[in-house]
Amino acid sequence: MNCKNDFSEVKGNAIYQRIHFLLKETNINTTKFYQETGITRQALARWKQGSLPSSDIVIIISEYFHVSAYWLLTGKHCEQADIQTYKQRFLLELEKFKSVIEQL
């Protein structure tokens, strides 16, 4: 699958819906999300109305939820993006493990 050219149907409202889905799936409330990402209520409201977040914000959100930016934008999985996401998750878990080991 060529993921680089498949952005024809990127819509702010759909991105908002995916963020809302991720908040529910991870059991994170919006206040915590706002505090930890620096994203404002107003920004989320704009995306709900159809505005698109900037690329920097897309990256912040994708890293926060450990999902690919490609999925956040399109709702589709891309094998290349998924591999990168799994690599990021693995490295985060490895760092947590190292921290626990160092405390012993």
N, C-alpha and C. Protein backbone atom coordinates (compact mmCIF):
# COMPACT_ATOMS: atom_id res chain seq x y z
N MET A 1 0.84 -1.19 0.00
CA MET A 1 0.00 0.00 0.00
C MET A 1 0.87 1.24 0.00
N ASN A 2 0.63 2.15 -0.93
CA ASN A 2 1.37 3.39 -0.98
C ASN A 2 0.68 4.40 -0.07
N CYS A 3 1.27 4.67 1.05
CA CYS A 3 0.63 5.51 2.06
C CYS A 3 0.87 6.99 1.82
N LYS A 4 1.87 7.32 1.06
CA LYS A 4 2.27 8.72 0.93
C LYS A 4 1.24 9.57 0.19
N ASN A 5 0.47 8.99 -0.69
CA ASN A 5 -0.43 9.78 -1.53
C ASN A 5 -1.89 9.59 -1.19
N ASP A 6 -2.21 9.05 -0.06
CA ASP A 6 -3.59 8.72 0.26
C ASP A 6 -4.18 9.66 1.31
N PHE A 7 -4.10 10.96 1.05
CA PHE A 7 -4.62 11.94 2.00
C PHE A 7 -5.80 12.72 1.43
N SER A 8 -6.43 12.16 0.42
CA SER A 8 -7.49 12.88 -0.28
C SER A 8 -8.73 13.13 0.57
N GLU A 9 -8.95 12.31 1.59
CA GLU A 9 -10.17 12.47 2.38
C GLU A 9 -9.89 12.83 3.83
N VAL A 10 -8.84 13.60 4.06
CA VAL A 10 -8.51 14.04 5.42
C VAL A 10 -9.49 15.14 5.80
N LYS A 11 -10.21 14.92 6.91
CA LYS A 11 -11.21 15.89 7.38
C LYS A 11 -11.03 16.11 8.87
N GLY A 12 -11.14 17.37 9.28
CA GLY A 12 -10.98 17.73 10.68
C GLY A 12 -11.94 16.99 11.59
N ASN A 13 -13.20 16.91 11.18
CA ASN A 13 -14.19 16.24 12.02
C ASN A 13 -13.83 14.78 12.23
N ALA A 14 -13.31 14.12 11.22
CA ALA A 14 -12.92 12.71 11.37
C ALA A 14 -11.73 12.58 12.31
N ILE A 15 -10.82 13.54 12.25
CA ILE A 15 -9.67 13.52 13.17
C ILE A 15 -10.18 13.70 14.60
N TYR A 16 -11.11 14.62 14.78
CA TYR A 16 -11.72 14.82 16.10
C TYR A 16 -12.35 13.51 16.59
N GLN A 17 -13.07 12.82 15.73
CA GLN A 17 -13.71 11.56 16.11
C GLN A 17 -12.68 10.50 16.50
N ARG A 18 -11.55 10.46 15.81
CA ARG A 18 -10.51 9.49 16.18
C ARG A 18 -9.88 9.86 17.52
N ILE A 19 -9.69 11.15 17.77
CA ILE A 19 -9.17 11.58 19.08
C ILE A 19 -10.16 11.20 20.18
N HIS A 20 -11.42 11.47 19.95
CA HIS A 20 -12.46 11.11 20.92
C HIS A 20 -12.45 9.59 21.17
N PHE A 21 -12.32 8.80 20.11
CA PHE A 21 -12.22 7.35 20.23
C PHE A 21 -11.02 6.95 21.08
N LEU A 22 -9.87 7.57 20.82
CA LEU A 22 -8.65 7.24 21.57
C LEU A 22 -8.79 7.62 23.05
N LEU A 23 -9.42 8.74 23.31
CA LEU A 23 -9.64 9.14 24.71
C LEU A 23 -10.47 8.09 25.44
N LYS A 24 -11.52 7.60 24.79
CA LYS A 24 -12.36 6.57 25.41
C LYS A 24 -11.59 5.26 25.58
N GLU A 25 -10.87 4.86 24.53
CA GLU A 25 -10.14 3.59 24.56
C GLU A 25 -9.05 3.56 25.63
N THR A 26 -8.43 4.70 25.86
CA THR A 26 -7.33 4.78 26.83
C THR A 26 -7.80 5.24 28.20
N ASN A 27 -9.10 5.54 28.30
CA ASN A 27 -9.68 6.00 29.56
C ASN A 27 -8.97 7.26 30.09
N ILE A 28 -8.68 8.17 29.16
CA ILE A 28 -8.04 9.44 29.51
C ILE A 28 -9.11 10.53 29.38
N ASN A 29 -9.26 11.34 30.42
CA ASN A 29 -10.25 12.42 30.33
C ASN A 29 -9.65 13.61 29.58
N THR A 30 -10.53 14.46 29.09
CA THR A 30 -10.06 15.57 28.26
C THR A 30 -9.17 16.54 29.04
N THR A 31 -9.44 16.74 30.31
CA THR A 31 -8.60 17.65 31.11
C THR A 31 -7.16 17.16 31.14
N LYS A 32 -6.99 15.88 31.38
CA LYS A 32 -5.64 15.30 31.39
C LYS A 32 -4.99 15.44 30.00
N PHE A 33 -5.77 15.16 28.97
CA PHE A 33 -5.28 15.28 27.60
C PHE A 33 -4.80 16.70 27.32
N TYR A 34 -5.61 17.69 27.69
CA TYR A 34 -5.24 19.10 27.48
C TYR A 34 -3.95 19.44 28.22
N GLN A 35 -3.87 19.02 29.48
CA GLN A 35 -2.71 19.34 30.31
C GLN A 35 -1.44 18.69 29.78
N GLU A 36 -1.54 17.43 29.37
CA GLU A 36 -0.34 16.68 28.97
C GLU A 36 0.12 16.98 27.55
N THR A 37 -0.77 17.49 26.71
CA THR A 37 -0.38 17.77 25.33
C THR A 37 -0.23 19.26 25.04
N GLY A 38 -0.85 20.10 25.88
CA GLY A 38 -0.83 21.53 25.62
C GLY A 38 -1.87 21.96 24.60
N ILE A 39 -2.70 21.03 24.17
CA ILE A 39 -3.77 21.33 23.23
C ILE A 39 -4.94 21.94 24.00
N THR A 40 -5.59 22.90 23.40
CA THR A 40 -6.67 23.61 24.09
C THR A 40 -8.05 23.04 23.73
N ARG A 41 -8.99 23.35 24.58
CA ARG A 41 -10.40 22.99 24.31
C ARG A 41 -10.87 23.64 23.01
N GLN A 42 -10.43 24.86 22.79
CA GLN A 42 -10.83 25.59 21.60
C GLN A 42 -10.34 24.89 20.33
N ALA A 43 -9.11 24.37 20.38
CA ALA A 43 -8.58 23.66 19.22
C ALA A 43 -9.41 22.42 18.93
N LEU A 44 -9.72 21.66 19.97
CA LEU A 44 -10.53 20.46 19.79
C LEU A 44 -11.90 20.82 19.24
N ALA A 45 -12.47 21.92 19.71
CA ALA A 45 -13.77 22.37 19.20
C ALA A 45 -13.68 22.75 17.72
N ARG A 46 -12.58 23.38 17.32
CA ARG A 46 -12.40 23.74 15.90
C ARG A 46 -12.32 22.49 15.03
N TRP A 47 -11.62 21.45 15.52
CA TRP A 47 -11.50 20.21 14.74
C TRP A 47 -12.85 19.52 14.64
N LYS A 48 -13.64 19.62 15.70
CA LYS A 48 -14.98 19.04 15.68
C LYS A 48 -15.82 19.70 14.60
N GLN A 49 -15.58 21.00 14.39
CA GLN A 49 -16.31 21.75 13.36
C GLN A 49 -15.73 21.54 11.96
N GLY A 50 -14.60 20.84 11.86
CA GLY A 50 -14.05 20.53 10.53
C GLY A 50 -12.70 21.12 10.22
N SER A 51 -12.16 21.99 11.08
CA SER A 51 -10.82 22.52 10.84
C SER A 51 -9.79 21.41 10.99
N LEU A 52 -8.65 21.59 10.35
CA LEU A 52 -7.58 20.60 10.45
C LEU A 52 -6.49 21.09 11.40
N PRO A 53 -5.96 20.20 12.23
CA PRO A 53 -4.83 20.58 13.08
C PRO A 53 -3.56 20.73 12.25
N SER A 54 -2.60 21.48 12.77
CA SER A 54 -1.32 21.62 12.08
C SER A 54 -0.56 20.30 12.15
N SER A 55 0.45 20.17 11.31
CA SER A 55 1.25 18.93 11.30
C SER A 55 1.94 18.71 12.65
N ASP A 56 2.39 19.79 13.28
CA ASP A 56 3.04 19.65 14.60
C ASP A 56 2.07 19.05 15.61
N ILE A 57 0.82 19.49 15.58
CA ILE A 57 -0.18 18.99 16.52
C ILE A 57 -0.51 17.53 16.22
N VAL A 58 -0.59 17.19 14.94
CA VAL A 58 -0.85 15.79 14.56
C VAL A 58 0.23 14.89 15.14
N ILE A 59 1.47 15.32 15.06
CA ILE A 59 2.59 14.54 15.60
C ILE A 59 2.48 14.42 17.12
N ILE A 60 2.16 15.52 17.79
CA ILE A 60 2.02 15.49 19.25
C ILE A 60 0.93 14.49 19.65
N ILE A 61 -0.20 14.54 18.97
CA ILE A 61 -1.31 13.64 19.31
C ILE A 61 -0.96 12.19 19.00
N SER A 62 -0.35 11.95 17.86
CA SER A 62 -0.01 10.57 17.49
C SER A 62 1.02 9.99 18.46
N GLU A 63 1.97 10.79 18.89
CA GLU A 63 2.96 10.31 19.87
C GLU A 63 2.29 10.10 21.23
N TYR A 64 1.39 10.97 21.60
CA TYR A 64 0.71 10.86 22.89
C TYR A 64 -0.07 9.54 22.99
N PHE A 65 -0.78 9.20 21.92
CA PHE A 65 -1.60 7.99 21.94
C PHE A 65 -0.87 6.77 21.35
N HIS A 66 0.36 6.96 20.88
CA HIS A 66 1.13 5.86 20.28
C HIS A 66 0.40 5.27 19.08
N VAL A 67 -0.09 6.13 18.22
CA VAL A 67 -0.70 5.71 16.96
C VAL A 67 0.05 6.44 15.85
N SER A 68 -0.09 5.95 14.63
CA SER A 68 0.59 6.62 13.53
C SER A 68 -0.15 7.90 13.15
N ALA A 69 0.61 8.88 12.72
CA ALA A 69 0.00 10.12 12.23
C ALA A 69 -0.85 9.81 11.01
N TYR A 70 -0.44 8.85 10.22
CA TYR A 70 -1.20 8.46 9.04
C TYR A 70 -2.60 7.98 9.45
N TRP A 71 -2.67 7.14 10.48
CA TRP A 71 -3.98 6.65 10.94
C TRP A 71 -4.80 7.81 11.49
N LEU A 72 -4.17 8.68 12.26
CA LEU A 72 -4.89 9.80 12.84
C LEU A 72 -5.50 10.68 11.75
N LEU A 73 -4.78 10.87 10.66
CA LEU A 73 -5.27 11.70 9.57
C LEU A 73 -6.30 11.01 8.69
N THR A 74 -6.09 9.73 8.42
CA THR A 74 -6.92 9.05 7.42
C THR A 74 -7.85 7.99 7.98
N GLY A 75 -7.54 7.48 9.15
CA GLY A 75 -8.31 6.37 9.70
C GLY A 75 -7.93 5.04 9.08
N LYS A 76 -6.89 5.05 8.26
CA LYS A 76 -6.43 3.84 7.58
C LYS A 76 -5.08 3.42 8.12
N HIS A 77 -4.84 2.14 8.06
CA HIS A 77 -3.55 1.63 8.51
C HIS A 77 -2.59 1.56 7.32
N CYS A 78 -1.38 1.82 7.59
CA CYS A 78 -0.32 1.76 6.59
C CYS A 78 0.77 0.89 7.19
N GLU A 79 1.14 -0.14 6.49
CA GLU A 79 2.12 -1.08 7.04
C GLU A 79 3.39 -0.37 7.49
N GLN A 80 3.89 0.55 6.69
CA GLN A 80 5.11 1.27 7.06
C GLN A 80 4.89 2.10 8.32
N ALA A 81 3.78 2.79 8.39
CA ALA A 81 3.48 3.62 9.57
C ALA A 81 3.26 2.74 10.79
N ASP A 82 2.59 1.60 10.61
CA ASP A 82 2.36 0.69 11.73
C ASP A 82 3.67 0.15 12.29
N ILE A 83 4.60 -0.17 11.41
CA ILE A 83 5.90 -0.67 11.86
C ILE A 83 6.59 0.40 12.70
N GLN A 84 6.56 1.64 12.26
CA GLN A 84 7.18 2.72 13.02
C GLN A 84 6.50 2.90 14.37
N THR A 85 5.18 2.80 14.40
CA THR A 85 4.44 2.93 15.65
C THR A 85 4.81 1.82 16.61
N TYR A 86 4.87 0.59 16.14
CA TYR A 86 5.24 -0.53 16.99
C TYR A 86 6.67 -0.37 17.50
N LYS A 87 7.54 0.15 16.65
CA LYS A 87 8.92 0.39 17.06
C LYS A 87 8.95 1.43 18.19
N GLN A 88 8.17 2.50 18.05
CA GLN A 88 8.11 3.53 19.10
C GLN A 88 7.59 2.94 20.40
N ARG A 89 6.53 2.13 20.32
CA ARG A 89 5.97 1.50 21.52
C ARG A 89 7.00 0.59 22.18
N PHE A 90 7.70 -0.19 21.36
CA PHE A 90 8.71 -1.09 21.89
C PHE A 90 9.80 -0.30 22.62
N LEU A 91 10.27 0.77 22.02
CA LEU A 91 11.32 1.57 22.64
C LEU A 91 10.84 2.21 23.93
N LEU A 92 9.59 2.65 23.98
CA LEU A 92 9.04 3.20 25.23
C LEU A 92 8.98 2.14 26.32
N GLU A 93 8.52 0.95 25.96
CA GLU A 93 8.45 -0.14 26.94
C GLU A 93 9.85 -0.55 27.40
N LEU A 94 10.80 -0.54 26.48
CA LEU A 94 12.17 -0.87 26.83
C LEU A 94 12.74 0.14 27.82
N GLU A 95 12.45 1.41 27.62
CA GLU A 95 12.91 2.45 28.54
C GLU A 95 12.28 2.26 29.93
N LYS A 96 11.00 1.92 29.97
CA LYS A 96 10.34 1.67 31.25
C LYS A 96 11.00 0.48 31.95
N PHE A 97 11.29 -0.55 31.19
CA PHE A 97 11.92 -1.75 31.75
C PHE A 97 13.31 -1.42 32.30
N LYS A 98 14.08 -0.64 31.54
CA LYS A 98 15.41 -0.24 31.99
C LYS A 98 15.32 0.54 33.30
N SER A 99 14.32 1.41 33.41
CA SER A 99 14.14 2.21 34.60
C SER A 99 13.86 1.33 35.82
N VAL A 100 13.00 0.32 35.62
CA VAL A 100 12.68 -0.60 36.71
C VAL A 100 13.92 -1.37 37.13
N ILE A 101 14.68 -1.85 36.17
CA ILE A 101 15.90 -2.62 36.45
C ILE A 101 16.90 -1.76 37.22
N GLU A 102 17.05 -0.51 36.82
CA GLU A 102 18.00 0.38 37.48
C GLU A 102 17.63 0.66 38.93
N GLN A 103 16.33 0.57 39.24
CA GLN A 103 15.87 0.82 40.60
C GLN A 103 16.12 -0.37 41.53
N LEU A 104 16.38 -1.52 40.95
CA LEU A 104 16.60 -2.73 41.77
C LEU A 104 17.97 -2.76 42.38
